[in-house]
C-alpha cells in the first residue's frame, strides 16, 4: 500500500519536472477505513478521523444487517485515496418486507402454518359469528393478503364461530299456538311446554319463557315456556339469602309484589342479600299482597383506632384488636417522630370502615438526612475573604471531624493549588446524604509541596 502511494507520488513529481515548471508536491494518500457494520454516526466519525468525508448516503433493506448499520461502502476498505475524498455509504433499513399470504377461508392451524412459512407470525386471533363462513375458518385478516410486511411481523385474523345468534322473541301473554308460530318464525324451535296456575295471567296464555325475550341464542335453539292454567293459591316464597333482584323476581313470580325494602348492616349476611322477610316463607297470602324484606349492607362498620405515635408492633396490636388488618407499611424520615413510631395512618382515626379493612401506616426512620455541603476551597479558620468550612458545615447541621494537614500540589508557576489553611478535600464528599450531626473530615493545605 505504501509502495503504491510512493509510486503515484513519484509519477506526479516526474510530470512536474517534465513540464519544466514548479508544482505543488502530490498530496499524501490516506487509506479508506472499514466502516461496514458500523452505525452511520460512527462511520462518519471514523471517516473524519481518517481525513475523509462522508459521501452519498443511501438506504436499502437487508435481511442480515441490522437497521441503521452500514451494509457497504465505496471506495472499499483499504483503498488509498486523496485526503477529504468522499466515501459513499449504504445504510440498512432492516429486513426486507415479505408479501402477506392469503389465509381467508383456512383453518386456524392452516393459517398459522401459512404465515410461519412466509416468515411471519400469528398475531391476535379473535372470534366472530358469520352466517356464510363455516365455524373454525378465517373470516378476515390484517394486514390484507399481498400487503408487504416486515419479516416476523404479526398477522391478525378473525375465526368464525358459526352462524350469528338470533334474538329470542317475546311470547309472554300469547297463546300457545301463537307463541309456537313466533318462535319457529324466528328460526328457533319450541322447547318444553309446562303448565302452571297463575292469578294474573288468563288460562291458555304464556306466563314465562326461557330464554328470556331479547336473549341472543344460536339458530335452532329451543325456547321453553309456561302456560297458565288459570288462578291458583299463593304461598309466600323464601327470599332470605337472595339478592334484592332475585328476591323481587321470586316474589313477583308468585303473584305477590315487593313491599318495603329497608337496609341494615349484618355481620353474618353478605352485602346485597336478604336478611329477613315479612310475611315469612311458607305463609299463605292474597295474590298481589306485598312482601317486605331487609337487605344487608354488609358487616357493621368499626371505628379506626388512633395509632399515630405508637410503635409499629403496638399499632399492629391495636389495629387487629379492632377487627381490622395492617395494610401497607411504608417508611419515611421525620424530624419530630421517633424512629420506629407511626407518623400517619390511612384511614384516619375515627373513620367508620368495614371489618377487616386494611389500615396503612407510615413508620418514622428517624430524622431526615442532610446533604453534605461542598467546603473544598474554603478556609479552615476566619481572617480571609474565603468562607469558613466550619461555619458552612454548622449551617447544614453537621460538624467538623478529623482535620489532616497535607502539602498542596503546585501549578506550573510554582504556586500552590491550595493556599495554606484552605480545605483541599473532604469526607464524606459534597452532596452525600448523612444524618444530622455527622462529622465531616477535612484535609487542609499546609502550604506548597
Protein backbone atom coordinates (compact mmCIF):
# COMPACT_ATOMS: atom_id res chain seq x y z
CA UNK A 1 0.00 0.00 0.00
CA UNK A 2 2.84 2.37 0.93
CA UNK A 3 4.71 1.36 -2.30
CA UNK A 4 1.65 2.33 -4.39
CA UNK A 5 1.47 5.67 -2.59
CA UNK A 6 5.17 6.38 -3.31
CA UNK A 7 4.75 5.26 -6.95
CA UNK A 8 1.88 7.67 -7.52
CA UNK A 9 3.85 10.42 -5.77
CA UNK A 10 6.97 9.92 -7.96
CA UNK A 11 4.80 9.86 -11.10
CA UNK A 12 3.26 13.20 -10.25
CA UNK A 13 6.73 14.63 -9.41
CA UNK A 14 8.09 13.45 -12.76
CA UNK A 15 5.26 15.16 -14.57
CA UNK A 16 6.03 18.40 -12.76
CA UNK A 17 9.76 18.21 -13.70
CA UNK A 18 8.90 17.34 -17.29
CA UNK A 19 6.80 20.42 -17.64
CA UNK A 20 9.80 22.44 -16.59
CA UNK A 21 7.95 24.46 -14.06
CA UNK A 22 7.45 24.02 -10.35
CA UNK A 23 4.31 22.48 -8.97
CA UNK A 24 2.99 21.59 -5.56
CA UNK A 25 4.01 18.15 -4.26
CA UNK A 26 1.33 15.48 -4.56
CA UNK A 27 -0.86 15.04 -1.51
CA UNK A 28 -0.05 12.10 0.78
CA UNK A 29 -2.73 9.45 0.15
CA UNK A 30 -4.84 8.11 3.02
CA UNK A 31 -6.32 4.63 3.43
CA UNK A 32 -10.09 4.19 3.49
CA UNK A 33 -11.12 2.57 6.83
CA UNK A 34 -13.59 -0.34 7.02
CA UNK A 35 -16.93 1.09 8.25
CA UNK A 36 -19.16 -1.81 7.19
CA UNK A 37 -21.30 -2.87 10.16
CA UNK A 38 -20.92 0.49 11.91
CA UNK A 39 -23.72 2.98 12.63
CA UNK A 40 -23.91 5.95 10.28
CA UNK A 41 -22.69 8.27 13.04
CA UNK A 42 -19.73 6.02 13.91
CA UNK A 43 -18.87 5.55 10.23
CA UNK A 44 -18.85 9.34 9.76
CA UNK A 45 -16.56 9.72 12.80
CA UNK A 46 -14.18 7.03 11.51
CA UNK A 47 -14.03 8.68 8.07
CA UNK A 48 -13.39 12.09 9.62
CA UNK A 49 -10.54 10.65 11.71
CA UNK A 50 -9.10 9.14 8.50
CA UNK A 51 -9.27 12.64 6.86
CA UNK A 52 -12.12 11.57 4.58
CA UNK A 53 -15.65 12.88 4.02
CA UNK A 54 -19.00 11.13 4.15
CA UNK A 55 -20.29 10.96 0.58
CA UNK A 56 -23.72 9.93 -0.65
CA UNK A 57 -25.74 8.03 1.97
CA UNK A 58 -28.42 5.71 0.59
CA UNK A 59 -30.74 3.31 2.36
CA UNK A 60 -31.54 -0.29 1.49
CA UNK A 61 -33.28 -3.19 3.22
CA UNK A 62 -31.13 -6.15 4.26
CA UNK A 63 -32.06 -9.45 5.92
CA UNK A 64 -28.71 -9.83 7.69
CA UNK A 65 -27.53 -6.32 8.56
CA UNK A 66 -29.43 -4.63 11.42
CA UNK A 67 -31.30 -1.39 10.73
CA UNK A 68 -29.08 1.70 10.96
CA UNK A 69 -25.79 -0.13 10.22
CA UNK A 70 -23.59 0.23 7.11
CA UNK A 71 -24.15 -2.52 4.51
CA UNK A 72 -21.45 -1.44 2.06
CA UNK A 73 -19.08 1.42 1.23
CA UNK A 74 -17.47 2.91 -1.85
CA UNK A 75 -14.48 3.12 -2.13
CA UNK A 76 -13.92 -0.22 -0.41
CA UNK A 77 -11.95 -0.51 2.80
CA UNK A 78 -8.12 -0.30 2.46
CA UNK A 79 -8.33 1.72 -0.79
CA UNK A 80 -5.72 4.55 -0.90
CA UNK A 81 -7.37 7.87 -1.79
CA UNK A 82 -6.69 11.60 -1.67
CA UNK A 83 -7.49 13.20 1.73
CA UNK A 84 -11.04 14.60 2.06
CA UNK A 85 -12.30 12.24 -0.66
CA UNK A 86 -15.96 11.24 -0.18
CA UNK A 87 -16.83 7.68 0.84
CA UNK A 88 -20.38 6.68 -0.14
CA UNK A 89 -22.37 4.57 2.31
CA UNK A 90 -25.37 2.23 2.03
CA UNK A 91 -27.34 2.08 5.33
CA UNK A 92 -29.59 -0.86 6.24
CA UNK A 93 -33.31 -0.13 6.85
CA UNK A 94 -33.67 -3.59 8.39
CA UNK A 95 -35.07 -6.83 6.96
CA UNK A 96 -36.71 -6.70 3.53
CA UNK A 97 -40.53 -6.96 3.62
CA UNK A 98 -42.39 -10.10 2.59
CA UNK A 99 -45.82 -10.38 0.99
CA UNK A 100 -48.60 -11.42 3.38
CA UNK A 101 -50.22 -14.71 2.20
CA UNK A 102 -54.00 -15.10 1.88
CA UNK A 103 -55.32 -17.11 4.83
CA UNK A 104 -59.02 -16.25 4.50
CA UNK A 105 -61.07 -19.46 4.42
CA UNK A 106 -58.34 -21.56 6.05
CA UNK A 107 -58.48 -23.22 9.46
CA UNK A 108 -56.65 -21.53 12.30
CA UNK A 109 -53.92 -24.19 12.15
CA UNK A 110 -53.63 -23.85 8.36
CA UNK A 111 -53.47 -20.07 8.58
CA UNK A 112 -50.74 -20.28 11.24
CA UNK A 113 -48.70 -22.69 9.10
CA UNK A 114 -49.04 -20.44 6.02
CA UNK A 115 -47.91 -17.38 7.97
CA UNK A 116 -44.96 -19.23 9.51
CA UNK A 117 -43.92 -20.50 6.08
CA UNK A 118 -43.97 -16.90 4.80
CA UNK A 119 -41.71 -15.77 7.63
CA UNK A 120 -44.48 -14.03 9.57
CA UNK A 121 -46.11 -14.71 12.95
CA UNK A 122 -49.66 -15.24 14.15
CA UNK A 123 -50.95 -12.01 15.74
CA UNK A 124 -54.19 -11.50 17.61
CA UNK A 125 -56.78 -14.20 16.88
CA UNK A 126 -60.35 -13.12 17.56
CA UNK A 127 -63.65 -14.88 17.08
CA UNK A 128 -66.78 -13.63 15.40
CA UNK A 129 -70.01 -15.16 14.21
CA UNK A 130 -70.65 -15.35 10.47
CA UNK A 131 -73.64 -16.66 8.54
CA UNK A 132 -71.56 -17.64 5.49
CA UNK A 133 -68.15 -18.76 6.75
CA UNK A 134 -68.10 -22.18 8.42
CA UNK A 135 -67.14 -22.45 12.07
CA UNK A 136 -63.35 -22.59 12.60
CA UNK A 137 -62.38 -20.91 9.33
CA UNK A 138 -60.75 -17.49 8.86
CA UNK A 139 -63.21 -14.70 8.01
CA UNK A 140 -60.72 -11.85 7.54
CA UNK A 141 -57.09 -10.92 8.12
CA UNK A 142 -55.00 -7.82 8.83
CA UNK A 143 -52.75 -6.94 7.01
CA UNK A 144 -54.58 -7.92 3.83
CA UNK A 145 -53.24 -10.62 1.55
CA UNK A 146 -50.47 -9.33 -0.72
CA UNK A 147 -49.51 -6.48 1.62
CA UNK A 148 -45.76 -6.09 2.17
CA UNK A 149 -44.79 -6.58 5.82
CA UNK A 150 -41.50 -6.89 7.75
CA UNK A 151 -40.38 -10.49 8.40
CA UNK A 152 -41.61 -11.74 11.76
CA UNK A 153 -44.44 -9.19 11.91
CA UNK A 154 -47.80 -10.41 13.24
CA UNK A 155 -50.89 -11.02 11.09
CA UNK A 156 -54.17 -10.77 12.96
CA UNK A 157 -57.16 -12.81 11.82
CA UNK A 158 -60.78 -13.45 12.76
CA UNK A 159 -62.10 -17.02 13.18
CA UNK A 160 -65.77 -17.83 12.50
CA UNK A 161 -67.77 -19.19 15.43
CA UNK A 162 -70.51 -20.20 13.03
CA UNK A 163 -73.88 -18.60 12.34
CA UNK A 164 -74.73 -15.44 14.25
CA UNK A 165 -77.20 -15.80 17.13
CA UNK A 166 -80.81 -14.67 16.83
CA UNK A 167 -82.78 -12.75 19.44
CA UNK A 168 -85.48 -14.73 21.24
CA UNK A 169 -88.93 -13.19 20.53
CA UNK A 170 -91.23 -12.17 23.38
CA UNK A 171 -94.07 -14.74 23.62
CA UNK A 172 -95.27 -13.91 27.15
CA UNK A 173 -99.02 -13.22 27.09
CA UNK A 174 -99.55 -15.05 23.78
CA UNK A 175 -101.50 -18.28 23.26
CA UNK A 176 -99.52 -21.49 22.97
CA UNK A 177 -100.22 -21.63 19.23
CA UNK A 178 -99.18 -18.02 18.62
CA UNK A 179 -96.06 -18.49 20.76
CA UNK A 180 -95.06 -21.54 18.70
CA UNK A 181 -95.54 -19.61 15.43
CA UNK A 182 -93.45 -16.68 16.71
CA UNK A 183 -90.66 -18.99 17.87
CA UNK A 184 -90.40 -21.01 14.64
CA UNK A 185 -90.66 -17.78 12.62
CA UNK A 186 -87.51 -16.59 14.43
CA UNK A 187 -85.60 -19.72 13.26
CA UNK A 188 -85.93 -21.32 16.72
CA UNK A 189 -87.85 -24.36 17.95
CA UNK A 190 -90.49 -24.87 20.64
CA UNK A 191 -88.86 -26.46 23.69
CA UNK A 192 -90.51 -27.83 26.80
CA UNK A 193 -94.06 -26.54 27.41
CA UNK A 194 -95.27 -26.79 31.01
CA UNK A 195 -98.47 -25.70 32.72
CA UNK A 196 -98.92 -23.70 35.91
CA UNK A 197 -101.70 -21.83 37.66
CA UNK A 198 -101.45 -18.03 37.73
CA UNK A 199 -103.58 -15.41 39.43
CA UNK A 200 -102.93 -12.70 36.85
CA UNK A 201 -102.39 -14.45 33.52
CA UNK A 202 -105.50 -15.86 31.85
CA UNK A 203 -105.70 -19.59 31.19
CA UNK A 204 -104.08 -20.67 27.93
CA UNK A 205 -101.60 -17.75 27.77
CA UNK A 206 -97.84 -17.87 28.23
CA UNK A 207 -96.75 -16.90 31.76
CA UNK A 208 -92.99 -17.03 31.24
CA UNK A 209 -90.35 -18.20 28.81
CA UNK A 210 -86.74 -19.39 28.81
CA UNK A 211 -84.53 -17.98 27.36
CA UNK A 212 -85.92 -14.52 28.09
CA UNK A 213 -87.13 -12.27 25.30
CA UNK A 214 -84.23 -10.50 23.60
CA UNK A 215 -81.63 -13.09 24.62
CA UNK A 216 -79.18 -13.90 21.78
CA UNK A 217 -79.13 -17.68 21.10
CA UNK A 218 -77.89 -19.94 18.25
CA UNK A 219 -80.38 -20.63 15.44
CA UNK A 220 -82.44 -23.77 16.14
CA UNK A 221 -82.23 -23.34 19.94
CA UNK A 222 -85.30 -24.45 21.93
CA UNK A 223 -87.46 -21.91 23.77
CA UNK A 224 -89.29 -23.32 26.79
CA UNK A 225 -92.45 -21.63 28.06
CA UNK A 226 -95.05 -21.99 30.79
CA UNK A 227 -98.80 -21.88 30.01
CA UNK A 228 -101.26 -20.57 32.59
CA UNK A 229 -103.98 -22.95 33.83
CA UNK A 230 -105.78 -20.02 35.48
CA UNK A 231 -105.83 -18.67 39.08
CA UNK A 232 -104.15 -20.51 41.99
CA UNK A 233 -103.45 -20.05 45.67
CA UNK A 234 -100.30 -18.15 46.66
CA UNK A 235 -97.63 -19.34 49.08
CA UNK A 236 -95.04 -16.79 50.15
CA UNK A 237 -91.63 -17.91 48.78
CA UNK A 238 -88.41 -17.91 50.79
CA UNK A 239 -86.23 -15.00 49.68
CA UNK A 240 -83.83 -14.91 52.65
CA UNK A 241 -80.26 -15.11 51.33
CA UNK A 242 -81.24 -13.95 47.81
CA UNK A 243 -80.08 -10.73 46.14
CA UNK A 244 -82.61 -7.91 46.01
CA UNK A 245 -83.15 -8.51 42.29
CA UNK A 246 -83.57 -12.27 42.70
CA UNK A 247 -85.91 -11.74 45.68
CA UNK A 248 -88.05 -9.34 43.67
CA UNK A 249 -88.19 -11.76 40.74
CA UNK A 250 -89.16 -14.63 43.05
CA UNK A 251 -91.87 -12.61 44.77
CA UNK A 252 -93.45 -11.26 41.59
CA UNK A 253 -93.21 -14.75 40.08
CA UNK A 254 -95.68 -15.96 42.74
CA UNK A 255 -98.26 -13.22 42.09
CA UNK A 256 -97.07 -11.13 45.03
CA UNK A 257 -95.45 -7.72 44.93
CA UNK A 258 -92.33 -6.31 46.50
CA UNK A 259 -93.23 -4.31 49.59
CA UNK A 260 -90.97 -2.07 51.69
CA UNK A 261 -87.27 -2.73 51.20
CA UNK A 262 -85.01 -1.50 54.02
CA UNK A 263 -81.27 -1.77 54.57
CA UNK A 264 -79.36 -2.86 57.63
CA UNK A 265 -75.79 -3.89 58.44
CA UNK A 266 -75.20 -7.52 59.39
CA UNK A 267 -72.02 -9.33 60.40
CA UNK A 268 -73.14 -12.72 59.01
CA UNK A 269 -75.20 -11.97 55.88
CA UNK A 270 -73.21 -10.74 52.87
CA UNK A 271 -73.90 -7.28 51.47
CA UNK A 272 -76.79 -7.20 48.99
CA UNK A 273 -78.53 -10.31 50.30
CA UNK A 274 -81.88 -10.53 52.11
CA UNK A 275 -81.59 -10.78 55.93
CA UNK A 276 -85.29 -11.27 56.73
CA UNK A 277 -88.76 -11.07 55.18
CA UNK A 278 -92.36 -10.43 56.18
CA UNK A 279 -94.59 -12.45 55.76
CA UNK A 280 -92.39 -15.47 56.49
CA UNK A 281 -91.67 -18.09 53.85
CA UNK A 282 -94.44 -20.70 53.53
CA UNK A 283 -97.22 -18.42 54.77
CA UNK A 284 -100.39 -18.14 52.70
CA UNK A 285 -101.03 -14.73 51.20
CA UNK A 286 -103.51 -13.00 48.95
CA UNK A 287 -102.30 -12.61 45.38
CA UNK A 288 -100.89 -9.12 44.89
CA UNK A 289 -100.11 -8.60 48.58
CA UNK A 290 -96.69 -7.13 49.46
CA UNK A 291 -93.69 -8.94 50.91
CA UNK A 292 -91.33 -6.67 52.83
CA UNK A 293 -87.65 -7.59 53.23
CA UNK A 294 -84.44 -6.25 54.73
CA UNK A 295 -81.23 -6.09 52.63
CA UNK A 296 -77.80 -6.44 54.25
CA UNK A 297 -75.35 -3.60 53.74
CA UNK A 298 -72.56 -5.92 54.85
CA UNK A 299 -70.69 -6.14 58.13
CA UNK A 300 -71.39 -3.34 60.58
CA UNK A 301 -68.60 -0.74 60.43
CA UNK A 302 -65.98 -0.29 63.12
CA UNK A 303 -64.17 2.93 64.02
CA UNK A 304 -60.50 3.08 63.10
CA UNK A 305 -58.37 3.46 66.28
CA UNK A 306 -55.71 6.16 66.61
CA UNK A 307 -52.25 4.59 66.31
CA UNK A 308 -50.21 7.71 65.47
CA UNK A 309 -47.18 7.88 67.78
CA UNK A 310 -47.31 4.18 68.67
CA UNK A 311 -44.56 1.71 67.76
CA UNK A 312 -45.25 -0.45 64.73
CA UNK A 313 -45.82 -3.52 66.92
CA UNK A 314 -48.19 -1.67 69.26
CA UNK A 315 -50.07 -0.17 66.30
CA UNK A 316 -50.50 -3.63 64.74
CA UNK A 317 -51.89 -4.99 68.01
CA UNK A 318 -54.31 -2.07 68.29
CA UNK A 319 -55.48 -2.45 64.67
CA UNK A 320 -56.04 -6.22 64.80
CA UNK A 321 -57.76 -5.79 68.16
CA UNK A 322 -60.28 -3.52 66.43
CA UNK A 323 -61.09 -6.29 63.89
CA UNK A 324 -59.06 -4.54 61.18
CA UNK A 325 -55.84 -5.57 59.44
CA UNK A 326 -52.50 -3.89 58.96
CA UNK A 327 -52.28 -2.61 55.39
CA UNK A 328 -49.26 -1.22 53.56
CA UNK A 329 -46.41 -0.19 55.87
CA UNK A 330 -44.05 2.42 54.44
CA UNK A 331 -41.11 4.20 55.99
CA UNK A 332 -40.30 7.88 55.95
CA UNK A 333 -37.86 10.12 57.78
CA UNK A 334 -39.29 12.62 60.26
CA UNK A 335 -37.58 15.25 62.38
CA UNK A 336 -40.19 15.10 65.16
CA UNK A 337 -41.43 11.47 65.36
CA UNK A 338 -39.01 8.99 66.91
CA UNK A 339 -37.67 6.16 64.74
CA UNK A 340 -39.98 3.14 64.74
CA UNK A 341 -43.12 5.10 65.66
CA UNK A 342 -46.16 5.77 63.46
CA UNK A 343 -46.12 9.15 61.68
CA UNK A 344 -49.54 8.84 60.00
CA UNK A 345 -52.30 6.35 59.19
CA UNK A 346 -54.91 5.83 56.48
CA UNK A 347 -57.89 5.71 57.07
CA UNK A 348 -57.68 8.41 59.73
CA UNK A 349 -58.52 7.66 63.35
CA UNK A 350 -62.26 7.59 63.99
CA UNK A 351 -63.20 6.75 60.40
CA UNK A 352 -66.02 4.16 60.20
CA UNK A 353 -64.90 1.29 57.96
CA UNK A 354 -65.94 -2.33 57.29
CA UNK A 355 -64.29 -5.03 59.44
CA UNK A 356 -61.00 -6.38 58.06
CA UNK A 357 -60.33 -3.08 56.27
CA UNK A 358 -56.56 -2.53 55.91
CA UNK A 359 -55.06 0.42 57.76
CA UNK A 360 -51.92 1.71 56.06
CA UNK A 361 -49.11 3.02 58.25
CA UNK A 362 -46.14 5.33 57.72
CA UNK A 363 -43.30 4.49 60.15
CA UNK A 364 -40.60 7.00 61.08
CA UNK A 365 -36.99 6.11 60.22
CA UNK A 366 -35.81 8.98 62.43
CA UNK A 367 -34.51 12.45 61.49
CA UNK A 368 -34.24 13.21 57.77
CA UNK A 369 -30.69 13.17 56.34
CA UNK A 370 -28.96 16.35 55.18
CA UNK A 371 -26.74 16.74 52.11
CA UNK A 372 -23.06 17.40 52.88
CA UNK A 373 -22.12 20.91 51.57
CA UNK A 374 -19.01 21.47 49.46
CA UNK A 375 -16.30 23.09 51.63
CA UNK A 376 -13.33 22.36 49.33
CA UNK A 377 -11.60 25.68 48.68
CA UNK A 378 -12.94 27.22 51.92
CA UNK A 379 -10.71 28.38 54.77
CA UNK A 380 -10.33 26.34 57.92
CA UNK A 381 -10.49 29.48 60.06
CA UNK A 382 -11.58 33.07 59.56
CA UNK A 383 -9.46 36.06 58.71
CA UNK A 384 -9.66 35.72 54.94
CA UNK A 385 -12.19 36.61 52.30
CA UNK A 386 -12.95 32.88 51.87
CA UNK A 387 -15.96 31.22 53.56
CA UNK A 388 -15.12 29.24 56.68
CA UNK A 389 -15.64 25.47 56.31
CA UNK A 390 -16.74 25.01 59.92
CA UNK A 391 -19.40 27.69 59.59
CA UNK A 392 -20.68 26.12 56.36
CA UNK A 393 -20.91 22.67 57.97
CA UNK A 394 -22.58 24.01 61.11
CA UNK A 395 -25.20 25.79 58.98
CA UNK A 396 -26.00 22.41 57.39
CA UNK A 397 -26.38 20.75 60.81
CA UNK A 398 -23.04 18.93 60.57
CA UNK A 399 -19.74 19.12 62.49
CA UNK A 400 -16.03 19.30 61.65
CA UNK A 401 -14.48 15.86 62.03
CA UNK A 402 -10.78 14.91 61.81
CA UNK A 403 -8.51 17.63 60.35
CA UNK A 404 -5.41 16.41 58.47
CA UNK A 405 -2.75 18.75 57.10
CA UNK A 406 -1.00 17.93 53.83
CA UNK A 407 1.12 19.96 51.47
CA UNK A 408 -0.56 21.28 48.35
CA UNK A 409 0.49 20.42 44.79
CA UNK A 410 1.82 23.43 42.85
CA UNK A 411 0.99 24.74 39.42
CA UNK A 412 3.39 25.41 36.54
CA UNK A 413 4.48 28.69 38.10
CA UNK A 414 5.27 27.01 41.43
CA UNK A 415 2.27 28.42 43.26
CA UNK A 416 0.26 26.04 45.48
CA UNK A 417 -3.12 24.96 44.12
CA UNK A 418 -4.49 25.42 47.62
CA UNK A 419 -3.08 28.17 49.87
CA UNK A 420 -2.14 27.19 53.41
CA UNK A 421 -5.18 26.83 55.65
CA UNK A 422 -7.58 26.04 52.76
CA UNK A 423 -9.53 22.76 52.58
CA UNK A 424 -8.24 20.51 49.77
CA UNK A 425 -10.68 17.58 50.18
CA UNK A 426 -13.46 16.32 52.43
CA UNK A 427 -15.06 13.06 53.54
CA UNK A 428 -17.95 12.39 53.07
CA UNK A 429 -17.88 14.08 49.63
CA UNK A 430 -20.16 17.02 48.88
CA UNK A 431 -23.75 16.02 48.15
CA UNK A 432 -23.65 12.84 50.26
CA UNK A 433 -26.86 12.43 52.35
CA UNK A 434 -25.92 11.86 56.02
CA UNK A 435 -27.69 12.04 59.42
CA UNK A 436 -27.70 15.46 61.15
CA UNK A 437 -24.63 15.99 63.36
CA UNK A 438 -22.41 13.73 61.23
CA UNK A 439 -18.72 14.81 61.33
CA UNK A 440 -17.03 15.75 58.05
CA UNK A 441 -13.29 15.02 57.94
CA UNK A 442 -11.12 17.63 56.21
CA UNK A 443 -7.69 17.60 54.56
CA UNK A 444 -6.21 21.13 54.82
CA UNK A 445 -3.29 22.61 52.87
CA UNK A 446 -0.12 23.16 54.91
CA UNK A 447 1.46 25.10 52.04
CA UNK A 448 3.20 24.12 48.80
CA UNK A 449 4.86 20.71 48.49
